[in-house]
C-alpha atoms as a PDB file:
ATOM      1  CA  MET A   1       0.321   0.224  -0.089  1.00  0.00           C
ATOM      2  CA  THR A   2       1.169   3.436  -0.734  1.00  0.00           C
ATOM      3  CA  ILE A   3       1.719   5.745   1.371  1.00  0.00           C
ATOM      4  CA  ASP A   4       0.084   9.110   0.205  1.00  0.00           C
ATOM      5  CA  PHE A   5      -0.947  12.375   2.339  1.00  0.00           C
ATOM      6  CA  LYS A   6      -3.306  13.840  -0.347  1.00  0.00           C
ATOM      7  CA  GLY A   7      -5.647  16.237   1.712  1.00  0.00           C
ATOM      8  CA  ARG A   8      -3.555  16.709   4.455  1.00  0.00           C
ATOM      9  CA  VAL A   9      -1.718  19.738   5.984  1.00  0.00           C
ATOM     10  CA  ALA A  10       1.720  20.228   7.371  1.00  0.00           C
ATOM     11  CA  ILE A  11       4.293  21.743   9.206  1.00  0.00           C
ATOM     12  CA  VAL A  12       7.791  21.223   8.967  1.00  0.00           C
ATOM     13  CA  THR A  13       9.660  23.360  11.408  1.00  0.00           C
ATOM     14  CA  GLY A  14      13.475  24.069  11.010  1.00  0.00           C
ATOM     15  CA  ALA A  15      12.432  22.855   7.372  1.00  0.00           C
ATOM     16  CA  GLY A  16      15.270  25.606   5.512  1.00  0.00           C
ATOM     17  CA  GLY A  17      17.705  22.899   4.891  1.00  0.00           C
ATOM     18  CA  GLY A  18      18.895  19.230   6.131  1.00  0.00           C
ATOM     19  CA  LEU A  19      16.744  16.824   7.338  1.00  0.00           C
ATOM     20  CA  GLY A  20      13.765  19.110   8.088  1.00  0.00           C
ATOM     21  CA  ARG A  21      13.901  20.015   3.836  1.00  0.00           C
ATOM     22  CA  GLN A  22      13.804  16.379   3.079  1.00  0.00           C
ATOM     23  CA  HIS A  23      11.060  15.828   5.459  1.00  0.00           C
ATOM     24  CA  ALA A  24       9.140  18.759   4.079  1.00  0.00           C
ATOM     25  CA  LEU A  25      10.465  17.599   0.313  1.00  0.00           C
ATOM     26  CA  ALA A  26       8.932  14.292   0.694  1.00  0.00           C
ATOM     27  CA  LEU A  27       5.035  15.312   2.421  1.00  0.00           C
ATOM     28  CA  ALA A  28       4.324  17.528  -0.350  1.00  0.00           C
ATOM     29  CA  ALA A  29       5.531  14.556  -2.785  1.00  0.00           C
ATOM     30  CA  ARG A  30       3.423  12.602  -1.612  1.00  0.00           C
ATOM     31  CA  GLY A  31       0.255  14.773  -1.800  1.00  0.00           C
ATOM     32  CA  ALA A  32       0.353  16.892   1.371  1.00  0.00           C
ATOM     33  CA  LYS A  33       0.261  20.926   1.721  1.00  0.00           C
ATOM     34  CA  VAL A  34       3.377  22.188   3.592  1.00  0.00           C
ATOM     35  CA  VAL A  35       4.061  25.044   5.802  1.00  0.00           C
ATOM     36  CA  VAL A  36       7.831  25.256   5.433  1.00  0.00           C
ATOM     37  CA  ASN A  37       8.902  26.546   8.748  1.00  0.00           C
ATOM     38  CA  ASP A  38      12.335  28.135   9.212  1.00  0.00           C
ATOM     39  CA  LEU A  39      14.014  30.690  11.449  1.00  0.00           C
ATOM     40  CA  GLY A  40      16.928  30.912   9.121  1.00  0.00           C
ATOM     41  CA  GLY A  41      19.168  31.329  12.004  1.00  0.00           C
ATOM     42  CA  ALA A  42      22.741  29.874  12.316  1.00  0.00           C
ATOM     43  CA  ARG A  43      23.457  26.336  13.787  1.00  0.00           C
ATOM     44  CA  ASP A  44      23.941  27.752  17.168  1.00  0.00           C
ATOM     45  CA  GLY A  45      20.041  29.661  16.603  1.00  0.00           C
ATOM     46  CA  SER A  46      21.638  32.723  15.947  1.00  0.00           C
ATOM     47  CA  GLY A  47      20.384  35.224  13.166  1.00  0.00           C
ATOM     48  CA  GLY A  48      17.436  34.965  11.147  1.00  0.00           C
ATOM     49  CA  SER A  49      16.665  34.664   7.384  1.00  0.00           C
ATOM     50  CA  LEU A  50      13.300  33.471   5.675  1.00  0.00           C
ATOM     51  CA  SER A  51      15.427  33.172   2.491  1.00  0.00           C
ATOM     52  CA  ALA A  52      15.995  29.174   3.188  1.00  0.00           C
ATOM     53  CA  ALA A  53      12.107  28.560   3.643  1.00  0.00           C
ATOM     54  CA  GLU A  54      11.498  30.048   0.720  1.00  0.00           C
ATOM     55  CA  GLN A  55      13.300  28.248  -1.353  1.00  0.00           C
ATOM     56  CA  VAL A  56      12.461  25.086  -0.208  1.00  0.00           C
ATOM     57  CA  VAL A  57       8.992  26.337  -0.972  1.00  0.00           C
ATOM     58  CA  ALA A  58      10.191  27.135  -4.381  1.00  0.00           C
ATOM     59  CA  GLU A  59      11.550  23.388  -4.884  1.00  0.00           C
ATOM     60  CA  ILE A  60       8.058  22.123  -3.777  1.00  0.00           C
ATOM     61  CA  ARG A  61       6.091  24.391  -6.120  1.00  0.00           C
ATOM     62  CA  ALA A  62       8.576  23.710  -8.880  1.00  0.00           C
ATOM     63  CA  ALA A  63       7.839  20.091  -8.659  1.00  0.00           C
ATOM     64  CA  GLY A  64       3.557  20.893  -8.467  1.00  0.00           C
ATOM     65  CA  GLY A  65       3.155  20.777  -5.050  1.00  0.00           C
ATOM     66  CA  GLU A  66       1.678  23.363  -2.555  1.00  0.00           C
ATOM     67  CA  ALA A  67       3.409  25.236   0.075  1.00  0.00           C
ATOM     68  CA  ILE A  68       3.767  28.560   2.194  1.00  0.00           C
ATOM     69  CA  ALA A  69       6.924  29.923   3.820  1.00  0.00           C
ATOM     70  CA  ASN A  70       6.969  30.635   7.530  1.00  0.00           C
ATOM     71  CA  GLY A  71       9.911  32.447   9.618  1.00  0.00           C
ATOM     72  CA  ALA A  72       8.298  32.167  13.368  1.00  0.00           C
ATOM     73  CA  SER A  73      11.024  31.101  15.748  1.00  0.00           C
ATOM     74  CA  VAL A  74       9.536  27.783  17.598  1.00  0.00           C
ATOM     75  CA  THR A  75      10.368  29.473  21.076  1.00  0.00           C
ATOM     76  CA  ASP A  76       8.350  32.567  20.501  1.00  0.00           C
ATOM     77  CA  TRP A  77       4.754  31.193  21.393  1.00  0.00           C
ATOM     78  CA  ASP A  78       2.515  34.043  19.904  1.00  0.00           C
ATOM     79  CA  ALA A  79       4.438  33.388  16.557  1.00  0.00           C
ATOM     80  CA  VAL A  80       3.908  29.777  17.051  1.00  0.00           C
ATOM     81  CA  GLN A  81      -0.062  30.007  17.135  1.00  0.00           C
ATOM     82  CA  ALA A  82      -0.770  32.371  14.176  1.00  0.00           C
ATOM     83  CA  MET A  83       1.822  29.730  12.420  1.00  0.00           C
ATOM     84  CA  VAL A  84      -0.682  27.465  12.905  1.00  0.00           C
ATOM     85  CA  LYS A  85      -3.276  29.695  12.333  1.00  0.00           C
ATOM     86  CA  GLN A  86      -1.660  30.500   8.934  1.00  0.00           C
ATOM     87  CA  ALA A  87      -2.091  26.702   7.845  1.00  0.00           C
ATOM     88  CA  VAL A  88      -5.856  26.829   8.614  1.00  0.00           C
ATOM     89  CA  ASP A  89      -6.957  30.154   7.178  1.00  0.00           C
ATOM     90  CA  THR A  90      -4.938  28.776   4.083  1.00  0.00           C
ATOM     91  CA  TRP A  91      -6.367  25.340   3.765  1.00  0.00           C
ATOM     92  CA  GLY A  92      -8.716  24.734   6.501  1.00  0.00           C
ATOM     93  CA  ARG A  93      -6.778  22.523   8.785  1.00  0.00           C
ATOM     94  CA  ILE A  94      -3.773  21.134   9.943  1.00  0.00           C
ATOM     95  CA  ASP A  95      -3.205  17.420  10.185  1.00  0.00           C
ATOM     96  CA  ILE A  96       0.578  16.633  10.723  1.00  0.00           C
ATOM     97  CA  VAL A  97       3.000  18.766  12.927  1.00  0.00           C
ATOM     98  CA  VAL A  98       7.019  17.512  12.189  1.00  0.00           C
ATOM     99  CA  ASN A  99       9.179  19.026  15.060  1.00  0.00           C
ATOM    100  CA  ASN A 100      12.475  19.114  13.742  1.00  0.00           C
ATOM    101  CA  ALA A 101      13.941  22.737  14.565  1.00  0.00           C
ATOM    102  CA  GLY A 102      16.908  22.586  16.684  1.00  0.00           C
ATOM    103  CA  ILE A 103      20.280  24.194  17.445  1.00  0.00           C
ATOM    104  CA  LEU A 104      23.432  22.989  19.473  1.00  0.00           C
ATOM    105  CA  ARG A 105      25.623  24.939  22.136  1.00  0.00           C
ATOM    106  CA  ASP A 106      28.024  22.056  22.963  1.00  0.00           C
ATOM    107  CA  LYS A 107      30.527  22.148  25.917  1.00  0.00           C
ATOM    108  CA  THR A 108      31.180  19.963  28.810  1.00  0.00           C
ATOM    109  CA  PHE A 109      28.680  20.287  31.683  1.00  0.00           C
ATOM    110  CA  ALA A 110      31.826  22.199  33.836  1.00  0.00           C
ATOM    111  CA  LYS A 111      32.099  24.524  31.233  1.00  0.00           C
ATOM    112  CA  MET A 112      28.503  25.183  29.592  1.00  0.00           C
ATOM    113  CA  ASP A 113      27.091  28.452  30.599  1.00  0.00           C
ATOM    114  CA  LEU A 114      23.615  28.212  31.938  1.00  0.00           C
ATOM    115  CA  ALA A 115      22.360  30.544  29.358  1.00  0.00           C
ATOM    116  CA  ASP A 116      23.139  28.142  26.646  1.00  0.00           C
ATOM    117  CA  PHE A 117      21.734  25.253  28.740  1.00  0.00           C
ATOM    118  CA  ARG A 118      18.188  27.018  28.592  1.00  0.00           C
ATOM    119  CA  LEU A 119      18.156  27.876  24.832  1.00  0.00           C
ATOM    120  CA  VAL A 120      18.825  24.493  24.073  1.00  0.00           C
ATOM    121  CA  LEU A 121      15.639  23.272  26.105  1.00  0.00           C
ATOM    122  CA  ASP A 122      14.029  26.167  24.704  1.00  0.00           C
ATOM    123  CA  VAL A 123      14.355  25.791  21.415  1.00  0.00           C
ATOM    124  CA  HIS A 124      14.053  21.872  21.269  1.00  0.00           C
ATOM    125  CA  LEU A 125      11.507  20.784  24.150  1.00  0.00           C
ATOM    126  CA  MET A 126       9.654  24.170  24.399  1.00  0.00           C
ATOM    127  CA  GLY A 127       9.435  24.654  20.358  1.00  0.00           C
ATOM    128  CA  ALA A 128       7.995  21.437  20.100  1.00  0.00           C
ATOM    129  CA  VAL A 129       5.589  22.152  23.118  1.00  0.00           C
ATOM    130  CA  HIS A 130       4.503  25.580  21.922  1.00  0.00           C
ATOM    131  CA  CYS A 131       3.977  24.063  17.889  1.00  0.00           C
ATOM    132  CA  THR A 132       2.153  21.080  19.224  1.00  0.00           C
ATOM    133  CA  LYS A 133      -0.133  22.903  21.896  1.00  0.00           C
ATOM    134  CA  ALA A 134      -1.120  25.642  18.975  1.00  0.00           C
ATOM    135  CA  ALA A 135      -2.233  22.368  16.565  1.00  0.00           C
ATOM    136  CA  TRP A 136      -3.666  20.356  19.346  1.00  0.00           C
ATOM    137  CA  PRO A 137      -7.199  22.261  19.682  1.00  0.00           C
ATOM    138  CA  TYR A 138      -7.775  21.897  15.834  1.00  0.00           C
ATOM    139  CA  MET A 139      -6.521  18.099  15.800  1.00  0.00           C
ATOM    140  CA  VAL A 140      -9.213  17.743  18.574  1.00  0.00           C
ATOM    141  CA  ALA A 141     -11.511  19.209  16.492  1.00  0.00           C
ATOM    142  CA  GLN A 142     -11.029  17.225  13.794  1.00  0.00           C
ATOM    143  CA  GLN A 143     -10.595  13.809  15.384  1.00  0.00           C
ATOM    144  CA  TYR A 144      -7.122  13.435  13.550  1.00  0.00           C
ATOM    145  CA  GLY A 145      -3.513  14.448  13.824  1.00  0.00           C
ATOM    146  CA  ARG A 146      -0.336  12.952  13.667  1.00  0.00           C
ATOM    147  CA  VAL A 147       2.766  14.954  15.796  1.00  0.00           C
ATOM    148  CA  MET A 148       6.355  13.621  15.264  1.00  0.00           C
ATOM    149  CA  LEU A 149       9.174  14.686  17.880  1.00  0.00           C
ATOM    150  CA  THR A 150      12.723  14.697  17.218  1.00  0.00           C
ATOM    151  CA  THR A 151      14.486  13.066  19.610  1.00  0.00           C
ATOM    152  CA  SER A 152      18.533  11.779  19.411  1.00  0.00           C
ATOM    153  CA  SER A 153      20.580   9.385  20.217  1.00  0.00           C
ATOM    154  CA  THR A 154      22.271  11.562  22.557  1.00  0.00           C
ATOM    155  CA  GLY A 155      19.269  11.492  24.754  1.00  0.00           C
ATOM    156  CA  LEU A 156      18.532   8.578  24.669  1.00  0.00           C
ATOM    157  CA  TYR A 157      22.129   7.175  25.234  1.00  0.00           C
ATOM    158  CA  GLY A 158      24.451  10.154  26.061  1.00  0.00           C
ATOM    159  CA  ASN A 159      26.886  12.020  24.277  1.00  0.00           C
ATOM    160  CA  PHE A 160      30.138  13.937  25.154  1.00  0.00           C
ATOM    161  CA  GLY A 161      29.670  17.590  25.625  1.00  0.00           C
ATOM    162  CA  GLN A 162      25.530  17.635  25.098  1.00  0.00           C
ATOM    163  CA  SER A 163      24.217  17.671  28.274  1.00  0.00           C
ATOM    164  CA  ASN A 164      21.659  20.499  27.217  1.00  0.00           C
ATOM    165  CA  TYR A 165      20.570  18.482  24.451  1.00  0.00           C
ATOM    166  CA  GLY A 166      20.615  15.139  25.501  1.00  0.00           C
ATOM    167  CA  ALA A 167      18.366  16.233  28.550  1.00  0.00           C
ATOM    168  CA  ALA A 168      15.843  18.117  25.948  1.00  0.00           C
ATOM    169  CA  LYS A 169      16.161  15.212  23.359  1.00  0.00           C
ATOM    170  CA  LEU A 170      15.136  12.668  26.410  1.00  0.00           C
ATOM    171  CA  ALA A 171      12.460  15.589  27.297  1.00  0.00           C
ATOM    172  CA  LEU A 172      10.538  14.952  24.277  1.00  0.00           C
ATOM    173  CA  VAL A 173      10.421  11.160  24.826  1.00  0.00           C
ATOM    174  CA  GLY A 174       8.599  11.764  28.183  1.00  0.00           C
ATOM    175  CA  LEU A 175       6.491  14.480  26.247  1.00  0.00           C
ATOM    176  CA  MET A 176       5.502  11.744  23.565  1.00  0.00           C
ATOM    177  CA  GLN A 177       4.866   9.421  26.203  1.00  0.00           C
ATOM    178  CA  THR A 178       1.697  11.112  27.623  1.00  0.00           C
ATOM    179  CA  LEU A 179       0.580  12.962  24.337  1.00  0.00           C
ATOM    180  CA  GLY A 180       0.213   9.419  23.070  1.00  0.00           C
ATOM    181  CA  LEU A 181      -1.930   8.929  25.704  1.00  0.00           C
ATOM    182  CA  GLU A 182      -4.079  11.767  25.797  1.00  0.00           C
ATOM    183  CA  GLY A 183      -4.610  11.906  22.455  1.00  0.00           C
ATOM    184  CA  ALA A 184      -5.462   8.166  21.407  1.00  0.00           C
ATOM    185  CA  LYS A 185      -8.900   9.227  21.975  1.00  0.00           C
ATOM    186  CA  HIS A 186      -8.728  11.746  19.618  1.00  0.00           C
ATOM    187  CA  ASN A 187      -6.885   9.851  16.877  1.00  0.00           C
ATOM    188  CA  ILE A 188      -4.016  12.068  17.247  1.00  0.00           C
ATOM    189  CA  ARG A 189      -0.905   9.907  17.197  1.00  0.00           C
ATOM    190  CA  VAL A 190       2.516  11.270  18.675  1.00  0.00           C
ATOM    191  CA  ASN A 191       5.766   9.360  17.438  1.00  0.00           C
ATOM    192  CA  CYS A 192       9.496   9.981  18.164  1.00  0.00           C
ATOM    193  CA  LEU A 193      11.986   9.796  15.837  1.00  0.00           C
ATOM    194  CA  ALA A 194      16.497   9.615  16.473  1.00  0.00           C
ATOM    195  CA  PRO A 195      17.938  10.543  12.769  1.00  0.00           C
ATOM    196  CA  THR A 196      21.817   9.803  12.387  1.00  0.00           C
ATOM    197  CA  ALA A 197      22.485  11.803   9.284  1.00  0.00           C
ATOM    198  CA  ALA A 198      25.086  14.449   7.818  1.00  0.00           C
ATOM    199  CA  THR A 199      23.226  17.747   8.163  1.00  0.00           C
ATOM    200  CA  ARG A 200      24.735  21.344   8.967  1.00  0.00           C
ATOM    201  CA  MET A 201      24.192  20.387  12.600  1.00  0.00           C
ATOM    202  CA  THR A 202      26.455  17.173  12.351  1.00  0.00           C
ATOM    203  CA  GLU A 203      29.152  18.125  10.259  1.00  0.00           C
ATOM    204  CA  ASP A 204      32.102  18.805  12.358  1.00  0.00           C
ATOM    205  CA  LEU A 205      31.136  15.493  14.616  1.00  0.00           C
ATOM    206  CA  MET A 206      31.904  12.967  11.648  1.00  0.00           C
ATOM    207  CA  PRO A 207      34.329  12.278   9.228  1.00  0.00           C
ATOM    208  CA  PRO A 208      33.511  12.948   5.775  1.00  0.00           C
ATOM    209  CA  GLU A 209      33.593   9.475   4.503  1.00  0.00           C
ATOM    210  CA  VAL A 210      30.721   8.667   7.204  1.00  0.00           C
ATOM    211  CA  LEU A 211      28.910  11.805   6.353  1.00  0.00           C
ATOM    212  CA  ALA A 212      28.622  10.441   2.892  1.00  0.00           C
ATOM    213  CA  ALA A 213      26.672   7.704   3.851  1.00  0.00           C
ATOM    214  CA  LEU A 214      24.321   9.418   6.122  1.00  0.00           C
ATOM    215  CA  GLU A 215      22.185  11.343   3.432  1.00  0.00           C
ATOM    216  CA  PRO A 216      19.466  13.161   5.654  1.00  0.00           C
ATOM    217  CA  LYS A 217      16.991  11.575   2.951  1.00  0.00           C
ATOM    218  CA  ALA A 218      17.694   8.561   4.439  1.00  0.00           C
ATOM    219  CA  VAL A 219      15.799   9.296   7.578  1.00  0.00           C
ATOM    220  CA  THR A 220      12.614  10.697   5.783  1.00  0.00           C
ATOM    221  CA  PRO A 221      11.082   7.805   5.357  1.00  0.00           C
ATOM    222  CA  ALA A 222      10.800   6.546   8.923  1.00  0.00           C
ATOM    223  CA  MET A 223       9.149  10.184   9.581  1.00  0.00           C
ATOM    224  CA  LEU A 224       6.631   9.438   6.552  1.00  0.00           C
ATOM    225  CA  VAL A 225       5.465   6.392   8.088  1.00  0.00           C
ATOM    226  CA  LEU A 226       5.321   7.607  11.607  1.00  0.00           C
ATOM    227  CA  VAL A 227       2.899  10.855  10.445  1.00  0.00           C
ATOM    228  CA  SER A 228       0.893   8.532   7.916  1.00  0.00           C
ATOM    229  CA  GLU A 229      -2.852   7.725   8.448  1.00  0.00           C
ATOM    230  CA  ASP A 230      -1.774   3.920   9.787  1.00  0.00           C
ATOM    231  CA  ALA A 231       1.110   5.463  12.036  1.00  0.00           C
ATOM    232  CA  PRO A 232       1.564   3.898  15.290  1.00  0.00           C
ATOM    233  CA  THR A 233       1.888   5.935  18.635  1.00  0.00           C
ATOM    234  CA  ARG A 234       4.160   6.250  21.296  1.00  0.00           C
ATOM    235  CA  THR A 235       7.004   4.707  19.317  1.00  0.00           C
ATOM    236  CA  THR A 236      10.623   6.252  19.185  1.00  0.00           C
ATOM    237  CA  LEU A 237      12.387   5.086  15.797  1.00  0.00           C
ATOM    238  CA  CYS A 238      16.258   5.590  14.848  1.00  0.00           C
ATOM    239  CA  ALA A 239      17.192   5.919  11.681  1.00  0.00           C
ATOM    240  CA  GLY A 240      20.283   6.433   9.079  1.00  0.00           C
ATOM    241  CA  ALA A 241      21.729   5.346   6.424  1.00  0.00           C
ATOM    242  CA  GLY A 242      19.038   3.700   5.292  1.00  0.00           C
ATOM    243  CA  HIS A 243      18.411   1.442   8.542  1.00  0.00           C
ATOM    244  CA  VAL A 244      15.798   1.775  10.804  1.00  0.00           C
ATOM    245  CA  GLU A 245      15.598   0.563  14.622  1.00  0.00           C
ATOM    246  CA  ALA A 246      13.029   0.783  17.363  1.00  0.00           C
ATOM    247  CA  ALA A 247      14.089   2.192  20.715  1.00  0.00           C
ATOM    248  CA  HIS A 248      12.103   1.279  23.928  1.00  0.00           C
ATOM    249  CA  ILE A 249      12.858   2.079  27.850  1.00  0.00           C
ATOM    250  CA  THR A 250      12.441  -0.817  29.442  1.00  0.00           C
ATOM    251  CA  MET A 251      12.435  -2.043  32.785  1.00  0.00           C
ATOM    252  CA  THR A 252      14.052  -5.619  34.247  1.00  0.00           C
ATOM    253  CA  GLN A 253      12.121  -8.317  36.337  1.00  0.00           C
ATOM    254  CA  GLY A 254      14.032  -6.864  39.531  1.00  0.00           C
ATOM    255  CA  ALA A 255      14.585  -8.593  43.051  1.00  0.00           C
ATOM    256  CA  TRP A 256      12.263  -7.997  46.377  1.00  0.00           C
ATOM    257  CA  ILE A 257      14.537  -6.350  48.673  1.00  0.00           C
ATOM    258  CA  GLY A 258      12.326  -5.389  51.480  1.00  0.00           C
ATOM    259  CA  LEU A 259      11.717  -2.456  54.100  1.00  0.00           C
ATOM    260  CA  ASP A 260      14.305  -3.794  56.903  1.00  0.00           C
ATOM    261  CA  GLY A 261      17.272  -2.027  57.980  1.00  0.00           C
ATOM    262  CA  ASP A 262      19.106  -3.911  55.651  1.00  0.00           C
ATOM    263  CA  ALA A 263      17.532  -3.386  52.397  1.00  0.00           C
ATOM    264  CA  PRO A 264      20.520  -1.657  51.258  1.00  0.00           C
ATOM    265  CA  GLU A 265      22.699  -4.875  51.826  1.00  0.00           C
ATOM    266  CA  ARG A 266      20.166  -6.479  50.040  1.00  0.00           C
ATOM    267  CA  LEU A 267      20.116  -4.536  47.170  1.00  0.00           C
ATOM    268  CA  ALA A 268      23.760  -5.020  46.913  1.00  0.00           C
ATOM    269  CA  ALA A 269      23.749  -8.555  47.027  1.00  0.00           C
ATOM    270  CA  GLN A 270      20.874  -9.202  44.447  1.00  0.00           C
ATOM    271  CA  TRP A 271      22.780  -6.293  42.284  1.00  0.00           C
ATOM    272  CA  GLU A 272      23.147  -8.506  39.297  1.00  0.00           C
ATOM    273  CA  GLN A 273      19.315 -10.135  39.599  1.00  0.00           C
ATOM    274  CA  VAL A 274      17.830  -6.545  39.613  1.00  0.00           C
ATOM    275  CA  ARG A 275      20.206  -5.746  36.242  1.00  0.00           C
ATOM    276  CA  ASP A 276      19.075  -8.732  34.421  1.00  0.00           C
ATOM    277  CA  ARG A 277      17.490  -8.066  31.394  1.00  0.00           C
ATOM    278  CA  SER A 278      16.618 -11.618  30.177  1.00  0.00           C
ATOM    279  CA  GLU A 279      12.856 -10.730  31.058  1.00  0.00           C
ATOM    280  CA  GLU A 280      12.967  -7.183  30.820  1.00  0.00           C
ATOM    281  CA  MET A 281       9.438  -5.615  29.955  1.00  0.00           C
ATOM    282  CA  VAL A 282       8.372  -2.261  28.210  1.00  0.00           C
ATOM    283  CA  PRO A 283       5.759  -0.904  30.276  1.00  0.00           C
ATOM    284  CA  PRO A 284       2.450   0.701  29.045  1.00  0.00           C
ATOM    285  CA  ASN A 285       2.457   3.278  31.223  1.00  0.00           C
ATOM    286  CA  GLY A 286       4.491   5.556  34.247  1.00  0.00           C
ATOM    287  CA  SER A 287       1.328   3.816  36.650  1.00  0.00           C
ATOM    288  CA  ALA A 288       2.312   0.045  35.568  1.00  0.00           C
ATOM    289  CA  GLN A 289       5.904   0.237  37.209  1.00  0.00           C
ATOM    290  CA  GLY A 290       3.929   1.183  40.155  1.00  0.00           C
ATOM    291  CA  GLY A 291       1.467  -1.503  40.245  1.00  0.00           C
ATOM    292  CA  TYR A 292       4.308  -4.530  39.044  1.00  0.00           C
ATOM    293  CA  GLU A 293       5.795  -3.373  42.572  1.00  0.00           C
ATOM    294  CA  VAL A 294       3.159  -3.491  44.352  1.00  0.00           C
ATOM    295  CA  GLY A 295       2.135  -6.510  43.098  1.00  0.00           C
ATOM    296  CA  ARG A 296       5.598  -8.435  43.530  1.00  0.00           C
ATOM    297  CA  ALA A 297       5.713  -7.351  46.849  1.00  0.00           C
ATOM    298  CA  THR A 298       2.563  -8.736  47.939  1.00  0.00           C
ATOM    299  CA  ALA A 299       3.352 -12.091  46.150  1.00  0.00           C
ATOM    300  CA  TYR A 300       6.572 -12.107  48.243  1.00  0.00           C
ATOM    301  CA  LEU A 301       4.906 -11.613  51.248  1.00  0.00           C
ATOM    302  CA  LYS A 302       2.262 -14.244  50.815  1.00  0.00           C
ATOM    303  CA  GLN A 303       4.925 -16.543  50.753  1.00  0.00           C
ATOM    304  CA  ASP A 304       6.205 -15.297  54.100  1.00  0.00           C
END
C-alpha cells in the first residue's frame, strides 16, 4: 500500500535545510500541503532569514506541490500560534506537525554557560511544546492528528559535551509518552524519531566518508511512516544510512529487597538480579511500574 498525504496539511519546523528540507519535500511529493518553517538562523540559533524556507517552498512549487513559507521562531508562542493559524486560514485544517527545529550549543557540563543550557531546552523542548500545543485544539476538533518529535541518540544514550541537548531530547520522549496517551481518544498519534544524518548540525562531528553514507533523505522514510494515516503511536524509531531500529525504555524483572534496615545490603547482594535484562519489559504507562512493584511485593509477602 502506497503511503500518501493527499488532503493533509503539514507543518515542518526547521525545514530550510538538512533533515527538515527533506521531510518537507517528501511530504509535498506525496500530496501534503506544507508550511515550511525556518527561522533561518545559524547552527547555534543566532540570526534569522526567511530565504531558506522560501527556497524550499520554491522547490516544492516547481515540482507541482503546494507550500508556504513561515519564519517563526519556535520559541515564540505568539508567532507559533500565528503559524498554525496561517496553515488553517490557507488550507482549512492542520493534520501533521513535524517538530524538527533545533540548535546546538555544545560544551562540557563544567564549562557550559547556563544560558546556553536553557536556550537549547527552549528550542528543542519548548519549541516542540509550542508547535504541538498550538495545533492540538484543531486536531481534537477534527479528530485527527499526527505529531512527530525529533529526539536523538544523545538523549537516549548520551554523548560527551551535549548535556543540554541530551536533556532536551530525552524530555521529548517523555512528552511523546503522555501526549500519545492523551491523544488516543481523539485519533492523535504521537511518535519520536532519532535521526543519524549528515546535516549542518553534524558536519563537524563525523569524518567525510561517514557523512557521505548518512544522507538526510535516508531518514525521511521513517518520518513518513510515523506521521501517516496508519502510524503507530508512542513509538521511538532510530534511523540512519537506510537502516531503522526501534528504541524502548525497558524495565527488568528486578528483585524484592524489603523494607528492613538491611534493605541497602540486600540490594547490593542482589545487584546482578536487579539488572538482569533477560526478561525485561516495556510498561504500558507510568502507573504500570508502581502496579508491578506492589504486585511483586504482595506476592513475596504472601510466601512468608
